Amino acid sequence: MGISRDSMHKRRATGGKKKAWRKKRKYELGRQPANTKLVTGTANKTVRRVRVRGGNVKWRALRLDTGNFSWGSEAVTRKTRLLDVVYNASNNELVRTQTLVKSAIVQVDAAPFKQWYLQHYGVEVGRKKKTTTSTKKEGEEEAATEETKKSNHVTRKIEKRQEDRKLDPHVEEQFGGGRLLACISSRPGQCGRADGYILEGKELEFYMKKLQRKKGKSAGAA
C-alpha cells in the first residue's frame, strides 16, 4: 500500500469505522520523508529533483551543510555553515540523528556576521577580555588594524551608526563562542534549502532555557 494523506481510512471522532465508499485519489498521495541530514567535513550536499503533480518541481534535500540566515534586528542576511542540530520541539530523535526540518533549532557559524558587524560598526564582537599576559600581543594586533586607514567620510558614517547600536547581550555572548543559535524557517525536503533566522530576544531566552533544562536532565541521568 502506498502512502496516503486522506482521512477515509481513519475512524470517526466517536470511534466508529468509516466505510470506504471510493478508491484513493492521485491528489491524496504522499511520498517518503526526506529526512534531510546535516553533513560536516568532506561529505557533499545532495539535492534531488522530484517531478510532482501538474508537472511542477520540488527539490528534495538529502544532505545539507550551509544555509542563508537572516539577522532580523540588523536587517542583514549571510550564507553560513550549519554546525549542529541542538533542539527540536517535535521529536528528540531528530536531534540525535541530526535531521534538518522546519523550526529545528541549529547552531550556525558566527564568522560571516562577525565580519559584517566589524565592517558596519567598526566593533569586533565576541572578543575576550584582556589579560596581563596577552596585552602585548593585542597591542601588536591593534597596531596592524590601525594600518588600514579609513577616510573621514567612512569614519563619520561609522560614528553615526554607533549612536543607534544595540546588541542583545545573549547574542554577544554567543559571538564569543563563535556559534549562533538559529531557527530553520524553510522546508528542506520541499525546496532543497535550509534557510532561517538568528534567534534573538524572548525567543532566544525561551530556547536557551529549554536547552539548559535538557542539559540538566542528561547530567542527572548520567
N, C-alpha and C. Protein backbone atom coordinates (compact mmCIF):
# COMPACT_ATOMS: atom_id res chain seq x y z
N MET A 1 0.84 -1.21 0.00
CA MET A 1 0.00 0.00 0.00
C MET A 1 0.86 1.24 0.00
N GLY A 2 0.48 2.22 -0.82
CA GLY A 2 1.22 3.48 -0.88
C GLY A 2 0.90 4.38 0.30
N ILE A 3 1.67 5.46 0.41
CA ILE A 3 1.42 6.45 1.48
C ILE A 3 0.28 7.35 1.03
N SER A 4 -0.73 7.46 1.88
CA SER A 4 -1.92 8.25 1.52
C SER A 4 -2.18 9.32 2.56
N ARG A 5 -2.59 10.50 2.10
CA ARG A 5 -2.84 11.62 3.02
C ARG A 5 -4.34 11.88 3.20
N ASP A 6 -5.16 10.87 2.90
CA ASP A 6 -6.61 11.05 3.03
C ASP A 6 -7.06 10.77 4.47
N SER A 7 -8.35 10.98 4.73
CA SER A 7 -8.90 10.67 6.05
C SER A 7 -9.94 9.56 5.95
N MET A 8 -10.01 8.94 4.76
CA MET A 8 -11.00 7.87 4.52
C MET A 8 -10.76 6.67 5.44
N HIS A 9 -9.48 6.38 5.69
CA HIS A 9 -9.14 5.18 6.46
C HIS A 9 -9.19 5.42 7.97
N LYS A 10 -9.43 6.65 8.37
CA LYS A 10 -9.41 6.96 9.81
C LYS A 10 -10.79 6.77 10.44
N ARG A 11 -10.78 6.57 11.73
CA ARG A 11 -12.05 6.40 12.46
C ARG A 11 -12.72 7.74 12.70
N ARG A 12 -14.00 7.68 12.97
CA ARG A 12 -14.76 8.90 13.31
C ARG A 12 -14.35 9.37 14.71
N ALA A 13 -14.78 10.59 15.07
CA ALA A 13 -14.47 11.14 16.40
C ALA A 13 -15.08 10.27 17.50
N THR A 14 -16.19 9.59 17.18
CA THR A 14 -16.86 8.73 18.17
C THR A 14 -16.17 7.38 18.32
N GLY A 15 -15.26 7.07 17.37
CA GLY A 15 -14.54 5.79 17.42
C GLY A 15 -15.04 4.78 16.42
N GLY A 16 -16.13 5.09 15.71
CA GLY A 16 -16.68 4.16 14.72
C GLY A 16 -15.85 4.12 13.45
N LYS A 17 -15.88 2.99 12.75
CA LYS A 17 -15.15 2.85 11.50
C LYS A 17 -15.94 3.44 10.35
N LYS A 18 -15.21 4.04 9.39
CA LYS A 18 -15.87 4.58 8.19
C LYS A 18 -15.83 3.51 7.11
N LYS A 19 -16.89 3.48 6.30
CA LYS A 19 -16.92 2.54 5.19
C LYS A 19 -16.25 3.19 3.99
N ALA A 20 -15.36 2.47 3.32
CA ALA A 20 -14.68 3.01 2.13
C ALA A 20 -15.66 3.04 0.97
N TRP A 21 -16.09 4.24 0.59
CA TRP A 21 -17.10 4.34 -0.49
C TRP A 21 -16.48 4.77 -1.82
N ARG A 22 -15.15 5.01 -1.81
CA ARG A 22 -14.45 5.30 -3.08
C ARG A 22 -12.99 4.89 -2.96
N LYS A 23 -12.33 4.82 -4.13
CA LYS A 23 -10.92 4.47 -4.15
C LYS A 23 -10.05 5.67 -3.81
N LYS A 24 -8.74 5.43 -3.68
CA LYS A 24 -7.80 6.52 -3.41
C LYS A 24 -7.72 7.44 -4.62
N ARG A 25 -7.34 8.68 -4.37
CA ARG A 25 -7.20 9.67 -5.43
C ARG A 25 -5.74 10.10 -5.56
N LYS A 26 -5.36 10.48 -6.77
CA LYS A 26 -3.99 10.90 -7.04
C LYS A 26 -3.59 12.08 -6.15
N TYR A 27 -4.53 13.01 -5.94
CA TYR A 27 -4.22 14.22 -5.16
C TYR A 27 -4.06 13.95 -3.66
N GLU A 28 -4.32 12.69 -3.24
CA GLU A 28 -4.16 12.34 -1.83
C GLU A 28 -2.86 11.59 -1.55
N LEU A 29 -2.02 11.46 -2.59
CA LEU A 29 -0.80 10.66 -2.38
C LEU A 29 0.19 11.35 -1.45
N GLY A 30 1.03 10.55 -0.83
CA GLY A 30 2.13 11.05 -0.02
C GLY A 30 3.42 10.40 -0.49
N ARG A 31 4.56 10.98 -0.15
CA ARG A 31 5.85 10.40 -0.54
C ARG A 31 6.70 10.13 0.70
N GLN A 32 7.79 9.41 0.48
CA GLN A 32 8.69 9.10 1.59
C GLN A 32 9.26 10.39 2.16
N PRO A 33 9.44 10.48 3.51
CA PRO A 33 10.03 11.70 4.08
C PRO A 33 11.48 11.88 3.63
N ALA A 34 11.91 13.11 3.48
CA ALA A 34 13.28 13.40 3.01
C ALA A 34 14.32 13.08 4.07
N ASN A 35 13.98 13.32 5.35
CA ASN A 35 14.94 13.14 6.46
C ASN A 35 16.29 13.77 6.13
N THR A 36 16.25 15.05 5.78
CA THR A 36 17.47 15.77 5.39
C THR A 36 18.49 15.74 6.52
N LYS A 37 19.70 15.32 6.20
CA LYS A 37 20.75 15.19 7.22
C LYS A 37 21.75 16.34 7.13
N LEU A 38 22.22 16.74 8.30
CA LEU A 38 23.28 17.75 8.37
C LEU A 38 24.62 17.04 8.16
N VAL A 39 25.38 17.50 7.16
CA VAL A 39 26.68 16.86 6.90
C VAL A 39 27.81 17.83 7.23
N THR A 40 28.90 17.30 7.72
CA THR A 40 30.08 18.12 8.03
C THR A 40 31.30 17.50 7.39
N GLY A 41 32.33 18.30 7.21
CA GLY A 41 33.58 17.77 6.67
C GLY A 41 33.55 17.65 5.16
N THR A 42 34.02 16.51 4.64
CA THR A 42 34.22 16.35 3.20
C THR A 42 32.94 15.95 2.45
N ALA A 43 31.92 15.45 3.18
CA ALA A 43 30.70 14.99 2.51
C ALA A 43 30.02 16.14 1.75
N ASN A 44 29.53 15.82 0.54
CA ASN A 44 28.90 16.84 -0.30
C ASN A 44 27.41 16.96 0.00
N LYS A 45 26.87 18.16 -0.28
CA LYS A 45 25.42 18.32 -0.13
C LYS A 45 24.74 17.59 -1.29
N THR A 46 23.56 17.03 -1.02
CA THR A 46 22.84 16.26 -2.03
C THR A 46 21.40 16.77 -2.11
N VAL A 47 20.98 17.18 -3.31
CA VAL A 47 19.61 17.64 -3.53
C VAL A 47 19.07 16.93 -4.76
N ARG A 48 17.89 16.32 -4.63
CA ARG A 48 17.27 15.59 -5.73
C ARG A 48 16.09 16.39 -6.31
N ARG A 49 15.92 16.25 -7.62
CA ARG A 49 14.79 16.90 -8.32
C ARG A 49 13.63 15.91 -8.36
N VAL A 50 12.45 16.36 -7.90
CA VAL A 50 11.28 15.49 -7.89
C VAL A 50 10.18 16.11 -8.74
N ARG A 51 9.71 15.36 -9.73
CA ARG A 51 8.62 15.84 -10.58
C ARG A 51 7.31 15.54 -9.86
N VAL A 52 6.47 16.55 -9.67
CA VAL A 52 5.24 16.37 -8.89
C VAL A 52 4.01 16.69 -9.75
N ARG A 53 2.85 16.61 -9.12
CA ARG A 53 1.57 16.79 -9.82
C ARG A 53 1.52 18.14 -10.55
N GLY A 54 1.04 18.08 -11.78
CA GLY A 54 0.93 19.30 -12.59
C GLY A 54 2.22 19.64 -13.31
N GLY A 55 3.19 18.73 -13.29
CA GLY A 55 4.46 18.99 -13.96
C GLY A 55 5.37 19.93 -13.19
N ASN A 56 4.99 20.23 -11.96
CA ASN A 56 5.82 21.12 -11.13
C ASN A 56 7.03 20.36 -10.58
N VAL A 57 7.93 21.11 -9.96
CA VAL A 57 9.17 20.50 -9.46
C VAL A 57 9.37 20.85 -7.99
N LYS A 58 9.77 19.82 -7.23
CA LYS A 58 10.19 20.05 -5.84
C LYS A 58 11.65 19.64 -5.76
N TRP A 59 12.36 20.25 -4.82
CA TRP A 59 13.77 19.90 -4.62
C TRP A 59 13.92 19.24 -3.27
N ARG A 60 14.27 17.97 -3.30
CA ARG A 60 14.35 17.16 -2.09
C ARG A 60 15.79 17.14 -1.58
N ALA A 61 16.06 17.91 -0.53
CA ALA A 61 17.43 17.94 0.05
C ALA A 61 17.63 16.69 0.91
N LEU A 62 18.69 15.95 0.61
CA LEU A 62 19.02 14.75 1.40
C LEU A 62 20.17 15.01 2.36
N ARG A 63 21.12 15.86 1.92
CA ARG A 63 22.25 16.25 2.78
C ARG A 63 22.55 17.73 2.53
N LEU A 64 22.67 18.49 3.62
CA LEU A 64 22.98 19.93 3.51
C LEU A 64 24.04 20.31 4.54
N ASP A 65 24.83 21.35 4.21
CA ASP A 65 25.84 21.82 5.17
C ASP A 65 25.84 23.34 5.33
N THR A 66 25.10 24.06 4.46
CA THR A 66 25.06 25.53 4.56
C THR A 66 23.63 26.04 4.38
N GLY A 67 23.43 27.31 4.72
CA GLY A 67 22.12 27.94 4.52
C GLY A 67 22.25 29.44 4.64
N ASN A 68 21.23 30.16 4.17
CA ASN A 68 21.18 31.62 4.30
C ASN A 68 20.40 31.96 5.57
N PHE A 69 21.05 32.71 6.46
CA PHE A 69 20.40 33.06 7.73
C PHE A 69 20.32 34.58 7.89
N SER A 70 19.15 35.01 8.34
CA SER A 70 18.88 36.44 8.46
C SER A 70 19.01 36.90 9.92
N TRP A 71 19.66 38.02 10.11
CA TRP A 71 19.77 38.64 11.44
C TRP A 71 18.75 39.78 11.46
N GLY A 72 17.60 39.51 12.02
CA GLY A 72 16.44 40.39 11.91
C GLY A 72 16.66 41.81 12.40
N SER A 73 17.22 41.98 13.60
CA SER A 73 17.37 43.31 14.19
C SER A 73 18.34 44.18 13.41
N GLU A 74 19.29 43.55 12.69
CA GLU A 74 20.27 44.30 11.91
C GLU A 74 19.92 44.32 10.41
N ALA A 75 18.86 43.59 10.04
CA ALA A 75 18.40 43.53 8.64
C ALA A 75 19.54 43.13 7.70
N VAL A 76 20.22 42.03 8.06
CA VAL A 76 21.33 41.54 7.23
C VAL A 76 21.23 40.02 7.12
N THR A 77 21.53 39.50 5.93
CA THR A 77 21.49 38.06 5.68
C THR A 77 22.83 37.59 5.15
N ARG A 78 23.31 36.46 5.65
CA ARG A 78 24.59 35.92 5.21
C ARG A 78 24.48 34.40 5.04
N LYS A 79 25.22 33.89 4.05
CA LYS A 79 25.33 32.44 3.89
C LYS A 79 26.34 31.94 4.91
N THR A 80 25.96 30.92 5.66
CA THR A 80 26.85 30.44 6.72
C THR A 80 26.75 28.92 6.88
N ARG A 81 27.75 28.34 7.54
CA ARG A 81 27.79 26.88 7.74
C ARG A 81 26.86 26.45 8.87
N LEU A 82 26.17 25.32 8.66
CA LEU A 82 25.38 24.71 9.73
C LEU A 82 26.32 23.81 10.52
N LEU A 83 26.34 23.97 11.84
CA LEU A 83 27.30 23.23 12.66
C LEU A 83 26.68 22.08 13.46
N ASP A 84 25.44 22.30 13.94
CA ASP A 84 24.84 21.28 14.81
C ASP A 84 23.34 21.49 14.93
N VAL A 85 22.59 20.38 15.11
CA VAL A 85 21.16 20.46 15.44
C VAL A 85 21.07 20.26 16.94
N VAL A 86 20.52 21.26 17.65
CA VAL A 86 20.56 21.21 19.12
C VAL A 86 19.19 20.98 19.77
N TYR A 87 18.10 21.33 19.06
CA TYR A 87 16.77 21.18 19.69
C TYR A 87 15.69 21.03 18.62
N ASN A 88 14.71 20.18 18.93
CA ASN A 88 13.54 20.05 18.06
C ASN A 88 12.33 19.81 18.94
N ALA A 89 11.34 20.68 18.83
CA ALA A 89 10.18 20.61 19.72
C ALA A 89 9.36 19.35 19.49
N SER A 90 9.38 18.81 18.25
CA SER A 90 8.51 17.69 17.92
C SER A 90 9.10 16.34 18.33
N ASN A 91 10.43 16.18 18.23
CA ASN A 91 11.00 14.86 18.45
C ASN A 91 12.50 14.94 18.75
N ASN A 92 12.92 14.38 19.87
CA ASN A 92 14.34 14.36 20.24
C ASN A 92 15.17 13.49 19.31
N GLU A 93 14.51 12.51 18.69
CA GLU A 93 15.20 11.60 17.77
C GLU A 93 15.78 12.37 16.59
N LEU A 94 15.11 13.47 16.19
CA LEU A 94 15.58 14.29 15.07
C LEU A 94 16.85 15.06 15.44
N VAL A 95 17.06 15.28 16.74
CA VAL A 95 18.29 15.93 17.21
C VAL A 95 19.42 14.91 17.19
N ARG A 96 19.12 13.70 17.68
CA ARG A 96 20.13 12.64 17.74
C ARG A 96 20.64 12.28 16.34
N THR A 97 19.71 12.24 15.38
CA THR A 97 20.09 11.85 14.01
C THR A 97 20.51 13.05 13.15
N GLN A 98 20.56 14.25 13.75
CA GLN A 98 20.98 15.48 13.04
C GLN A 98 20.14 15.72 11.79
N THR A 99 18.81 15.65 11.97
CA THR A 99 17.88 15.83 10.85
C THR A 99 17.42 17.28 10.78
N LEU A 100 17.47 17.85 9.57
CA LEU A 100 17.08 19.25 9.35
C LEU A 100 15.63 19.31 8.88
N VAL A 101 14.79 19.94 9.69
CA VAL A 101 13.39 20.15 9.32
C VAL A 101 13.02 21.60 9.66
N LYS A 102 11.85 22.03 9.19
CA LYS A 102 11.40 23.38 9.52
C LYS A 102 11.23 23.52 11.03
N SER A 103 11.62 24.66 11.57
CA SER A 103 11.53 25.01 13.00
C SER A 103 12.54 24.27 13.88
N ALA A 104 13.49 23.54 13.28
CA ALA A 104 14.56 22.93 14.08
C ALA A 104 15.51 24.03 14.55
N ILE A 105 16.02 23.90 15.77
CA ILE A 105 16.97 24.89 16.30
C ILE A 105 18.38 24.37 16.05
N VAL A 106 19.15 25.16 15.35
CA VAL A 106 20.50 24.75 14.95
C VAL A 106 21.54 25.76 15.41
N GLN A 107 22.79 25.34 15.42
CA GLN A 107 23.91 26.25 15.66
C GLN A 107 24.58 26.54 14.33
N VAL A 108 24.81 27.83 14.05
CA VAL A 108 25.46 28.21 12.79
C VAL A 108 26.76 28.96 13.09
N ASP A 109 27.63 28.99 12.10
CA ASP A 109 28.93 29.67 12.24
C ASP A 109 28.71 31.18 12.33
N ALA A 110 29.28 31.82 13.35
CA ALA A 110 29.07 33.25 13.57
C ALA A 110 30.00 34.14 12.74
N ALA A 111 31.03 33.55 12.11
CA ALA A 111 32.07 34.34 11.43
C ALA A 111 31.54 35.35 10.39
N PRO A 112 30.62 34.96 9.47
CA PRO A 112 30.14 35.93 8.47
C PRO A 112 29.46 37.16 9.10
N PHE A 113 28.70 36.93 10.19
CA PHE A 113 28.00 38.02 10.87
C PHE A 113 28.99 38.88 11.67
N LYS A 114 30.02 38.25 12.20
CA LYS A 114 31.07 38.94 12.95
C LYS A 114 31.82 39.91 12.03
N GLN A 115 32.14 39.41 10.81
CA GLN A 115 32.84 40.24 9.82
C GLN A 115 31.99 41.43 9.40
N TRP A 116 30.68 41.16 9.18
CA TRP A 116 29.78 42.24 8.77
C TRP A 116 29.69 43.31 9.86
N TYR A 117 29.59 42.87 11.12
CA TYR A 117 29.45 43.79 12.25
C TYR A 117 30.68 44.69 12.37
N LEU A 118 31.85 44.09 12.17
CA LEU A 118 33.11 44.85 12.23
C LEU A 118 33.16 45.89 11.11
N GLN A 119 32.73 45.49 9.92
CA GLN A 119 32.75 46.40 8.77
C GLN A 119 31.71 47.52 8.92
N HIS A 120 30.53 47.17 9.47
CA HIS A 120 29.42 48.12 9.55
C HIS A 120 29.55 49.09 10.72
N TYR A 121 29.96 48.57 11.88
CA TYR A 121 30.04 49.40 13.09
C TYR A 121 31.47 49.70 13.54
N GLY A 122 32.43 48.98 12.97
CA GLY A 122 33.82 49.15 13.40
C GLY A 122 34.06 48.58 14.79
N VAL A 123 33.24 47.61 15.18
CA VAL A 123 33.35 47.00 16.51
C VAL A 123 33.52 45.49 16.33
N GLU A 124 34.51 44.92 17.01
CA GLU A 124 34.72 43.48 16.95
C GLU A 124 33.98 42.83 18.11
N VAL A 125 32.90 42.12 17.79
CA VAL A 125 32.10 41.49 18.85
C VAL A 125 32.67 40.13 19.21
N GLY A 126 32.37 39.70 20.45
CA GLY A 126 32.80 38.38 20.91
C GLY A 126 34.27 38.29 21.24
N ARG A 127 34.91 39.44 21.42
CA ARG A 127 36.33 39.44 21.75
C ARG A 127 36.50 39.23 23.24
N LYS A 128 37.39 38.31 23.62
CA LYS A 128 37.60 38.02 25.04
C LYS A 128 38.32 39.19 25.71
N LYS A 129 38.02 39.36 27.02
CA LYS A 129 38.62 40.46 27.78
C LYS A 129 40.14 40.28 27.92
N LYS A 130 40.82 41.40 27.97
CA LYS A 130 42.30 41.38 28.01
C LYS A 130 42.82 40.81 29.32
N THR A 131 43.91 40.06 29.21
CA THR A 131 44.64 39.59 30.41
C THR A 131 46.05 40.18 30.35
N THR A 132 46.74 40.19 31.47
CA THR A 132 48.07 40.83 31.54
C THR A 132 49.07 40.19 30.59
N THR A 133 48.95 38.86 30.40
CA THR A 133 49.91 38.16 29.53
C THR A 133 49.69 38.46 28.06
N SER A 134 48.43 38.70 27.69
CA SER A 134 48.12 38.88 26.26
C SER A 134 48.06 40.35 25.82
N THR A 135 48.33 41.29 26.74
CA THR A 135 48.23 42.71 26.38
C THR A 135 49.23 43.10 25.29
N LYS A 136 50.44 42.54 25.37
CA LYS A 136 51.47 42.87 24.39
C LYS A 136 51.08 42.41 22.99
N LYS A 137 50.59 41.14 22.91
CA LYS A 137 50.16 40.59 21.63
C LYS A 137 49.02 41.41 21.03
N GLU A 138 48.06 41.76 21.88
CA GLU A 138 46.90 42.52 21.41
C GLU A 138 47.29 43.91 20.95
N GLY A 139 48.29 44.48 21.61
CA GLY A 139 48.80 45.79 21.20
C GLY A 139 49.36 45.74 19.79
N GLU A 140 50.06 44.64 19.50
CA GLU A 140 50.61 44.45 18.14
C GLU A 140 49.50 44.30 17.12
N GLU A 141 48.43 43.54 17.50
CA GLU A 141 47.29 43.33 16.60
C GLU A 141 46.59 44.65 16.31
N GLU A 142 46.39 45.46 17.36
CA GLU A 142 45.73 46.76 17.19
C GLU A 142 46.52 47.66 16.25
N ALA A 143 47.84 47.61 16.38
CA ALA A 143 48.71 48.40 15.50
C ALA A 143 48.53 47.97 14.05
N ALA A 144 48.37 46.65 13.85
CA ALA A 144 48.17 46.11 12.50
C ALA A 144 46.84 46.56 11.91
N THR A 145 45.79 46.59 12.77
CA THR A 145 44.47 47.00 12.27
C THR A 145 44.43 48.50 11.98
N GLU A 146 45.18 49.28 12.76
CA GLU A 146 45.21 50.72 12.54
C GLU A 146 45.84 51.08 11.19
N GLU A 147 46.68 50.18 10.68
CA GLU A 147 47.33 50.42 9.39
C GLU A 147 46.31 50.60 8.27
N THR A 148 45.18 49.87 8.35
CA THR A 148 44.14 50.02 7.33
C THR A 148 43.39 51.32 7.62
N LYS A 149 43.83 52.39 6.99
CA LYS A 149 43.26 53.72 7.27
C LYS A 149 41.89 53.87 6.63
N LYS A 150 41.02 54.63 7.30
CA LYS A 150 39.68 54.92 6.79
C LYS A 150 39.60 56.40 6.44
N SER A 151 38.82 56.69 5.40
CA SER A 151 38.63 58.09 5.02
C SER A 151 37.76 58.79 6.07
N ASN A 152 37.79 60.11 6.06
CA ASN A 152 36.98 60.88 7.02
C ASN A 152 35.49 60.59 6.87
N HIS A 153 35.09 60.42 5.61
CA HIS A 153 33.67 60.14 5.32
C HIS A 153 33.24 58.82 5.97
N VAL A 154 34.06 57.76 5.82
CA VAL A 154 33.75 56.45 6.40
C VAL A 154 33.76 56.52 7.92
N THR A 155 34.73 57.25 8.47
CA THR A 155 34.83 57.41 9.93
C THR A 155 33.57 58.07 10.48
N ARG A 156 33.11 59.13 9.81
CA ARG A 156 31.89 59.84 10.25
C ARG A 156 30.66 58.93 10.16
N LYS A 157 30.62 58.15 9.08
CA LYS A 157 29.49 57.23 8.87
C LYS A 157 29.41 56.19 9.99
N ILE A 158 30.58 55.63 10.35
CA ILE A 158 30.63 54.61 11.42
C ILE A 158 30.26 55.22 12.77
N GLU A 159 30.72 56.47 13.03
CA GLU A 159 30.39 57.16 14.28
C GLU A 159 28.88 57.40 14.39
N LYS A 160 28.26 57.74 13.26
CA LYS A 160 26.82 57.97 13.22
C LYS A 160 26.06 56.68 13.53
N ARG A 161 26.56 55.57 12.97
CA ARG A 161 25.91 54.27 13.21
C ARG A 161 26.03 53.85 14.67
N GLN A 162 27.12 54.25 15.33
CA GLN A 162 27.36 53.89 16.73
C GLN A 162 26.27 54.43 17.65
N GLU A 163 25.66 55.54 17.27
CA GLU A 163 24.63 56.17 18.11
C GLU A 163 23.44 55.25 18.36
N ASP A 164 23.02 54.51 17.31
CA ASP A 164 21.83 53.65 17.42
C ASP A 164 22.18 52.18 17.65
N ARG A 165 23.44 51.89 17.89
CA ARG A 165 23.88 50.49 18.01
C ARG A 165 23.38 49.84 19.30
N LYS A 166 22.67 48.71 19.14
CA LYS A 166 22.21 47.93 20.29
C LYS A 166 22.46 46.47 19.97
N LEU A 167 23.02 45.72 20.91
CA LEU A 167 23.29 44.30 20.69
C LEU A 167 22.78 43.50 21.87
N ASP A 168 21.94 42.53 21.59
CA ASP A 168 21.39 41.64 22.61
C ASP A 168 22.55 40.98 23.37
N PRO A 169 22.59 41.10 24.71
CA PRO A 169 23.71 40.52 25.48
C PRO A 169 23.88 39.02 25.27
N HIS A 170 22.74 38.29 25.08
CA HIS A 170 22.81 36.84 24.84
C HIS A 170 23.47 36.55 23.49
N VAL A 171 23.16 37.37 22.49
CA VAL A 171 23.76 37.20 21.15
C VAL A 171 25.26 37.50 21.22
N GLU A 172 25.61 38.56 21.96
CA GLU A 172 27.02 38.95 22.11
C GLU A 172 27.82 37.82 22.79
N GLU A 173 27.17 37.20 23.77
CA GLU A 173 27.81 36.08 24.49
C GLU A 173 28.09 34.91 23.53
N GLN A 174 27.13 34.66 22.63
CA GLN A 174 27.29 33.57 21.65
C GLN A 174 28.41 33.86 20.66
N PHE A 175 28.57 35.15 20.30
CA PHE A 175 29.65 35.54 19.38
C PHE A 175 31.01 35.13 19.95
N GLY A 176 31.13 35.16 21.28
CA GLY A 176 32.38 34.76 21.94
C GLY A 176 32.73 33.31 21.66
N GLY A 177 31.70 32.46 21.57
CA GLY A 177 31.92 31.05 21.28
C GLY A 177 32.00 30.73 19.80
N GLY A 178 31.67 31.72 18.96
CA GLY A 178 31.75 31.52 17.51
C GLY A 178 30.58 30.76 16.91
N ARG A 179 29.51 30.55 17.72
CA ARG A 179 28.32 29.84 17.23
C ARG A 179 27.07 30.61 17.63
N LEU A 180 26.12 30.73 16.69
CA LEU A 180 24.86 31.42 16.98
C LEU A 180 23.71 30.43 16.89
N LEU A 181 22.73 30.58 17.79
CA LEU A 181 21.53 29.75 17.72
C LEU A 181 20.60 30.33 16.66
N ALA A 182 20.08 29.47 15.80
CA ALA A 182 19.20 29.93 14.72
C ALA A 182 18.06 28.93 14.54
N CYS A 183 17.00 29.40 13.89
CA CYS A 183 15.83 28.55 13.62
C CYS A 183 15.67 28.40 12.11
N ILE A 184 15.44 27.19 11.64
CA ILE A 184 15.22 26.95 10.21
C ILE A 184 13.77 27.31 9.88
N SER A 185 13.57 28.18 8.90
CA SER A 185 12.21 28.59 8.53
C SER A 185 11.78 28.07 7.16
N SER A 186 12.72 27.49 6.40
CA SER A 186 12.36 26.89 5.11
C SER A 186 12.08 25.40 5.31
N ARG A 187 11.62 24.72 4.26
CA ARG A 187 11.34 23.28 4.35
C ARG A 187 12.34 22.54 3.46
N PRO A 188 13.42 22.01 4.06
CA PRO A 188 14.49 21.40 3.25
C PRO A 188 14.02 20.28 2.32
N GLY A 189 13.01 19.53 2.73
CA GLY A 189 12.51 18.43 1.91
C GLY A 189 11.65 18.87 0.74
N GLN A 190 11.24 20.16 0.74
CA GLN A 190 10.36 20.67 -0.32
C GLN A 190 11.07 21.64 -1.26
N CYS A 191 11.96 22.48 -0.69
CA CYS A 191 12.62 23.50 -1.52
C CYS A 191 14.13 23.26 -1.65
N GLY A 192 14.65 22.26 -0.93
CA GLY A 192 16.06 21.91 -1.06
C GLY A 192 17.02 22.86 -0.39
N ARG A 193 16.51 23.70 0.52
CA ARG A 193 17.37 24.68 1.21
C ARG A 193 17.08 24.68 2.71
N ALA A 194 18.10 25.01 3.49
CA ALA A 194 17.93 25.14 4.94
C ALA A 194 18.22 26.60 5.32
N ASP A 195 17.25 27.47 5.06
CA ASP A 195 17.38 28.90 5.37
C ASP A 195 16.60 29.22 6.64
N GLY A 196 17.00 30.29 7.32
CA GLY A 196 16.30 30.63 8.55
C GLY A 196 16.72 31.97 9.11
N TYR A 197 16.61 32.12 10.42
CA TYR A 197 16.92 33.40 11.07
C TYR A 197 17.62 33.17 12.40
N ILE A 198 18.42 34.16 12.79
CA ILE A 198 19.15 34.13 14.06
C ILE A 198 18.15 34.40 15.20
N LEU A 199 18.22 33.61 16.25
CA LEU A 199 17.32 33.80 17.39
C LEU A 199 17.75 35.00 18.23
N GLU A 200 16.75 35.81 18.63
CA GLU A 200 17.02 37.00 19.45
C GLU A 200 15.91 37.20 20.46
N GLY A 201 16.16 38.05 21.44
CA GLY A 201 15.13 38.49 22.38
C GLY A 201 14.48 37.37 23.16
N LYS A 202 13.14 37.45 23.29
CA LYS A 202 12.36 36.49 24.09
C LYS A 202 12.47 35.08 23.53
N GLU A 203 12.48 34.97 22.20
CA GLU A 203 12.56 33.65 21.56
C GLU A 203 13.89 32.97 21.90
N LEU A 204 14.96 33.73 21.87
CA LEU A 204 16.28 33.20 22.21
C LEU A 204 16.31 32.75 23.68
N GLU A 205 15.77 33.58 24.57
CA GLU A 205 15.72 33.24 26.00
C GLU A 205 14.95 31.94 26.23
N PHE A 206 13.82 31.81 25.51
CA PHE A 206 12.97 30.61 25.63
C PHE A 206 13.75 29.35 25.28
N TYR A 207 14.45 29.38 24.13
CA TYR A 207 15.18 28.19 23.68
C TYR A 207 16.43 27.93 24.52
N MET A 208 17.05 29.00 25.05
CA MET A 208 18.20 28.82 25.93
C MET A 208 17.79 28.09 27.22
N LYS A 209 16.60 28.45 27.73
CA LYS A 209 16.07 27.78 28.93
C LYS A 209 15.80 26.30 28.64
N LYS A 210 15.21 26.06 27.45
CA LYS A 210 14.90 24.68 27.06
C LYS A 210 16.17 23.83 26.97
N LEU A 211 17.21 24.41 26.36
CA LEU A 211 18.48 23.69 26.20
C LEU A 211 19.15 23.45 27.55
N GLN A 212 19.04 24.44 28.44
CA GLN A 212 19.62 24.33 29.78
C GLN A 212 18.95 23.21 30.57
N ARG A 213 17.60 23.17 30.45
CA ARG A 213 16.81 22.15 31.14
C ARG A 213 17.17 20.75 30.61
N LYS A 214 17.33 20.68 29.28
CA LYS A 214 17.68 19.41 28.63
C LYS A 214 19.06 18.93 29.09
N LYS A 215 20.00 19.89 29.20
CA LYS A 215 21.36 19.59 29.65
C LYS A 215 21.35 19.08 31.09
N GLY A 216 20.50 19.73 31.92
CA GLY A 216 20.38 19.33 33.33
C GLY A 216 19.84 17.91 33.47
N LYS A 217 18.84 17.57 32.63
CA LYS A 217 18.24 16.23 32.66
C LYS A 217 19.25 15.17 32.29
N SER A 218 20.01 15.44 31.20
CA SER A 218 21.01 14.46 30.73
C SER A 218 22.11 14.26 31.78
N ALA A 219 22.49 15.35 32.48
CA ALA A 219 23.51 15.26 33.54
C ALA A 219 22.99 14.43 34.70
N GLY A 220 21.69 14.63 35.01
CA GLY A 220 21.06 13.87 36.11
C GLY A 220 20.97 12.39 35.81
N ALA A 221 20.66 12.09 34.53
CA ALA A 221 20.54 10.68 34.10
C ALA A 221 21.89 9.97 34.15
N ALA A 222 22.96 10.71 33.80
CA ALA A 222 24.32 10.14 33.82
C ALA A 222 24.77 9.91 35.25
